[in-house]
Every structure is written in structure tokens, then in C-alpha cells.
Amino acid sequence: MQLEVHSLIHSDKAKLTRKAFEWKANESISNVEIIKRQKKCELTIQRQYMTRIFRNPIYCGLLANRLLDGKIIKGNHKPIVSKELFSKVNNINTEKNGIRSKQRKNNPNLPMRGFVKCDACGKPITGYIEKKYNLAYYRDHTKGCCGYNRAEKLNEKFITFLATFQIDEKLIAPLKLQMKFTFDYFNESNKDVLEYLKYNLNTIKEKM
């Protein structure tokens, strides 16, 4: 099965995209540094898009889409990078200040990652596990912003915050009853529509 992709990237920029993969794989430099190098070559890409490019299999000739039920298929387009180079880039672990980290989407120690925004700059916070002491930290990548925070402290603050939305147990039953009354009141007119639809459905079944 093949899907045709008419325009993957401008042909005159494909070499720079391939170069970005090579820089990442062979030099393990940051996306920010790659963007700086590309800008000198008159190619401007925002940092978040650079990450998407590295993770998108379309650049190695493959296609992945929710309509394909999780399958990855060969596309009908010319790949910009080899599958080996693409795999090498996506298997790199970032190392900063002697701390080796690998992001995980569902880390139970970092539930706030990507969900909470920094109150100073408004950017989503990220997180990592410090390997030496096995401690979880949240951080903000914005230069000159809040820096590092122990994940345990922020998680506890959020739990305390959620507690302010809890309903007294003795109020749950009357609240459910009131919600039912409210729902029935605003959906009274839909009862006639429902009966009409049921009648049409039975008519269609008979014809079938």
C-alpha cells in the first residue's frame, strides 16, 4: 500500500533538512544550535517544529497517520534521510551537566509535565529524572526563567489545589438530583424528536 505525497518539502531546502539530521546524529548538538546553523543558510525553523521534524517518519519515506490504525506504511515519495539516520536521531538521549535523561510521555513521577505552564513566562514546563539520586525535577527551558524545581513539591501543591474543588459528601446526592431535573427541563423538547426518529427507524427496518 502506498500513499502519494506531492510536496514533502521544498527541494532547495531538503539538503538543509538532511543536514539537520546528520548534525543531530553525529554531533548530538541541541535543536537550538541546529536552528542557528540553518538560519545562516537562510532557513528559519521554530524550535517546536524542529522537534516535530526529527520525530516525523515521513522524512525517511514512511507514513504514519491515525487513519491507518497505528500502522506505518511506505509512502510514494522520495525520502530525505535514510531509515538508519532517522532511527539514530530518535534514539539519542540528551546529556546536560552530567545528567542523562530520556523523556517519557507517561512518567508517574512527572504528571504535570506539559500540563502546567510557568507563571513567569507562560511556557509549558518539562521534566526529567536525575539518574544519580533518582529524583524527579520540573524545569522551564526559557532562558533566565524559574530554573529547576523538585517534582514532589509541585505535585503536592497541585493535589492541595484540587482539594479545593471537592464537594462535601452529604451534598453529592442532592446535587445529582438537581442535575437530573435540570437536564430533563432543558431536554423536554427532544422527547418528541426521539419518538419521531424511532418511528422512522422502524419504517426503515421494515423496508430492509
Protein backbone atom coordinates (compact mmCIF):
# COMPACT_ATOMS: atom_id res chain seq x y z
CA MET A 1 0.00 0.00 0.00
CA GLN A 2 1.34 3.41 -0.95
CA LEU A 3 0.10 6.93 -0.34
CA GLU A 4 1.27 9.70 -2.59
CA VAL A 5 2.76 12.83 -1.07
CA HIS A 6 3.01 15.60 -3.66
CA SER A 7 5.05 18.07 -1.61
CA LEU A 8 7.18 16.98 1.31
CA ILE A 9 9.49 19.98 1.50
CA HIS A 10 10.91 22.45 -0.98
CA SER A 11 13.65 20.74 -2.98
CA ASP A 12 16.14 23.54 -2.33
CA LYS A 13 15.67 23.09 1.44
CA ALA A 14 15.81 19.29 1.52
CA LYS A 15 19.61 19.28 1.79
CA LEU A 16 19.45 21.50 4.88
CA THR A 17 16.85 19.22 6.47
CA ARG A 18 19.08 16.21 5.82
CA LYS A 19 22.00 18.17 7.26
CA ALA A 20 20.00 18.81 10.44
CA PHE A 21 19.53 15.06 10.91
CA GLU A 22 23.26 14.50 10.35
CA TRP A 23 24.21 17.19 12.87
CA LYS A 24 21.87 15.70 15.45
CA ALA A 25 23.06 12.14 14.90
CA ASN A 26 26.79 12.73 14.57
CA GLU A 27 27.39 15.71 16.85
CA SER A 28 24.49 15.36 19.34
CA ILE A 29 24.03 19.13 19.36
CA SER A 30 20.88 20.86 20.62
CA ASN A 31 17.99 21.85 18.40
CA VAL A 32 18.72 25.49 19.19
CA GLU A 33 22.23 25.17 17.75
CA ILE A 34 20.87 23.38 14.66
CA ILE A 35 18.35 26.19 14.13
CA LYS A 36 21.16 28.76 14.34
CA ARG A 37 23.18 26.91 11.71
CA GLN A 38 20.17 26.65 9.41
CA LYS A 39 19.36 30.32 9.83
CA LYS A 40 22.81 31.18 8.50
CA CYS A 41 21.81 29.19 5.41
CA GLU A 42 18.57 31.22 5.12
CA LEU A 43 16.27 28.51 6.50
CA THR A 44 14.24 29.61 9.53
CA ILE A 45 12.52 26.91 11.60
CA GLN A 46 11.00 27.37 15.05
CA ARG A 47 12.26 25.12 17.83
CA GLN A 48 8.99 23.20 18.32
CA TYR A 49 8.83 22.42 14.59
CA MET A 50 12.41 21.17 14.64
CA THR A 51 11.40 18.54 17.19
CA ARG A 52 8.41 17.52 15.06
CA ILE A 53 10.65 17.12 12.01
CA PHE A 54 13.00 14.78 13.87
CA ARG A 55 10.07 12.62 15.03
CA ASN A 56 8.14 12.53 11.74
CA PRO A 57 8.81 9.29 9.78
CA ILE A 58 7.71 10.99 6.56
CA TYR A 59 11.28 12.28 6.19
CA CYS A 60 12.61 8.71 5.86
CA GLY A 61 9.96 7.67 3.35
CA LEU A 62 7.33 6.32 5.74
CA LEU A 63 3.84 7.48 6.64
CA ALA A 64 2.06 7.29 9.99
CA ASN A 65 -1.47 8.58 10.50
CA ARG A 66 -4.35 7.96 12.94
CA LEU A 67 -6.44 6.87 9.96
CA LEU A 68 -4.01 3.98 9.44
CA ASP A 69 -4.83 2.47 12.87
CA GLY A 70 -1.28 2.86 14.15
CA LYS A 71 0.33 1.25 11.10
CA ILE A 72 3.43 2.70 9.46
CA ILE A 73 3.48 2.26 5.69
CA LYS A 74 5.80 3.13 2.82
CA GLY A 75 4.97 6.41 1.17
CA ASN A 76 5.09 7.17 -2.54
CA HIS A 77 7.64 9.93 -2.11
CA LYS A 78 11.40 10.26 -2.12
CA PRO A 79 12.84 10.15 1.41
CA ILE A 80 15.13 12.93 2.56
CA VAL A 81 17.06 10.82 5.08
CA SER A 82 17.74 7.11 5.44
CA LYS A 83 15.84 4.97 7.92
CA GLU A 84 19.11 4.31 9.75
CA LEU A 85 19.79 8.03 10.20
CA PHE A 86 16.20 8.66 11.31
CA SER A 87 16.41 5.86 13.89
CA LYS A 88 19.76 7.11 15.19
CA VAL A 89 18.40 10.61 15.76
CA ASN A 90 15.34 9.33 17.62
CA ASN A 91 17.37 7.05 19.89
CA ILE A 92 19.66 9.79 21.19
CA ASN A 93 19.48 10.61 24.91
CA THR A 94 20.18 14.21 25.82
CA GLU A 95 23.03 14.73 28.26
CA LYS A 96 23.44 18.02 30.08
CA ASN A 97 25.66 18.78 33.07
CA GLY A 98 26.38 15.10 33.61
CA ILE A 99 22.68 14.28 33.83
CA ARG A 100 21.36 11.76 31.35
CA SER A 101 17.69 11.99 30.68
CA LYS A 102 15.18 10.41 28.34
CA GLN A 103 11.71 11.84 28.12
CA ARG A 104 8.78 9.54 28.73
CA LYS A 105 5.23 10.52 27.93
CA ASN A 106 3.61 8.81 30.92
CA ASN A 107 6.02 9.09 33.81
CA PRO A 108 4.05 8.81 37.09
CA ASN A 109 6.64 10.99 38.83
CA LEU A 110 6.10 13.85 36.35
CA PRO A 111 2.34 14.12 35.80
CA MET A 112 2.47 17.91 35.42
CA ARG A 113 4.94 17.92 32.52
CA GLY A 114 3.46 19.76 29.55
CA PHE A 115 0.26 20.40 31.54
CA VAL A 116 1.32 23.24 33.84
CA LYS A 117 2.69 26.50 32.49
CA CYS A 118 5.32 28.68 34.12
CA ASP A 119 3.65 31.64 35.83
CA ALA A 120 6.56 33.88 34.79
CA CYS A 121 6.90 33.24 31.05
CA GLY A 122 3.73 31.26 30.29
CA LYS A 123 5.61 28.37 28.64
CA PRO A 124 4.77 24.71 29.49
CA ILE A 125 7.19 23.15 31.94
CA THR A 126 9.07 19.97 31.15
CA GLY A 127 10.72 17.43 33.42
CA TYR A 128 13.36 14.76 33.80
CA ILE A 129 14.67 12.13 36.20
CA GLU A 130 18.07 12.86 37.71
CA LYS A 131 19.79 9.48 37.44
CA LYS A 132 22.36 9.74 40.23
CA TYR A 133 19.85 10.21 43.06
CA ASN A 134 16.76 9.06 41.14
CA LEU A 135 14.95 12.35 41.80
CA ALA A 136 12.28 13.90 39.57
CA TYR A 137 12.58 17.57 38.62
CA TYR A 138 10.46 20.03 36.70
CA ARG A 139 12.15 22.77 34.74
CA ASP A 140 11.47 25.60 32.36
CA HIS A 141 13.67 25.85 29.27
CA THR A 142 13.14 29.59 28.91
CA LYS A 143 16.45 31.33 29.44
CA GLY A 144 16.59 33.34 32.67
CA CYS A 145 13.32 31.92 33.99
CA CYS A 146 12.48 29.85 37.08
CA GLY A 147 15.05 27.06 36.58
CA TYR A 148 14.67 23.75 38.43
CA ASN A 149 12.04 22.59 40.94
CA ARG A 150 11.60 19.30 42.77
CA ALA A 151 8.68 17.48 41.18
CA GLU A 152 7.48 16.16 44.53
CA LYS A 153 6.79 19.68 45.84
CA LEU A 154 4.85 20.83 42.79
CA ASN A 155 2.82 17.60 42.72
CA GLU A 156 1.82 18.11 46.36
CA LYS A 157 0.80 21.71 45.67
CA PHE A 158 -1.42 20.60 42.81
CA ILE A 159 -3.08 17.92 44.95
CA THR A 160 -3.80 20.58 47.58
CA PHE A 161 -5.22 22.84 44.88
CA LEU A 162 -7.51 20.08 43.58
CA ALA A 163 -8.83 19.53 47.10
CA THR A 164 -10.47 22.98 46.95
CA PHE A 165 -12.83 21.63 44.24
CA GLN A 166 -14.07 18.66 46.27
CA ILE A 167 -17.77 18.52 47.15
CA ASP A 168 -18.97 17.70 50.62
CA GLU A 169 -20.14 14.08 50.59
CA LYS A 170 -23.57 14.95 52.05
CA LEU A 171 -24.19 17.30 49.11
CA ILE A 172 -23.49 14.76 46.35
CA ALA A 173 -26.94 13.09 46.37
CA PRO A 174 -29.00 16.34 46.20
CA LEU A 175 -26.58 17.69 43.56
CA LYS A 176 -27.16 14.64 41.34
CA LEU A 177 -30.92 15.02 41.76
CA GLN A 178 -30.78 18.70 40.81
CA MET A 179 -28.62 17.93 37.78
CA LYS A 180 -31.20 15.37 36.62
CA PHE A 181 -34.03 17.88 36.98
CA THR A 182 -32.03 20.48 35.07
CA PHE A 183 -31.19 18.04 32.28
CA ASP A 184 -34.82 16.91 31.92
CA TYR A 185 -36.02 20.52 31.85
CA PHE A 186 -33.71 21.60 29.01
CA ASN A 187 -34.26 18.39 27.01
CA GLU A 188 -38.04 18.19 27.26
CA SER A 189 -38.47 19.22 23.63
CA ASN A 190 -36.12 16.47 22.48
CA LYS A 191 -38.53 13.72 23.57
CA ASP A 192 -40.79 14.36 20.58
CA VAL A 193 -37.77 14.27 18.26
CA LEU A 194 -36.67 10.97 19.77
CA GLU A 195 -40.07 9.39 19.19
CA TYR A 196 -40.05 10.64 15.59
CA LEU A 197 -36.61 9.15 14.97
CA LYS A 198 -37.66 5.81 16.47
CA TYR A 199 -40.68 5.73 14.17
CA ASN A 200 -38.50 6.41 11.12
CA LEU A 201 -36.02 3.77 12.22
CA ASN A 202 -38.75 1.12 12.45
CA THR A 203 -40.01 2.11 9.00
CA ILE A 204 -36.54 1.74 7.51
CA LYS A 205 -36.06 -1.66 9.18
CA GLU A 206 -39.32 -2.90 7.65
CA LYS A 207 -38.22 -1.78 4.20
CA MET A 208 -34.87 -3.51 4.61
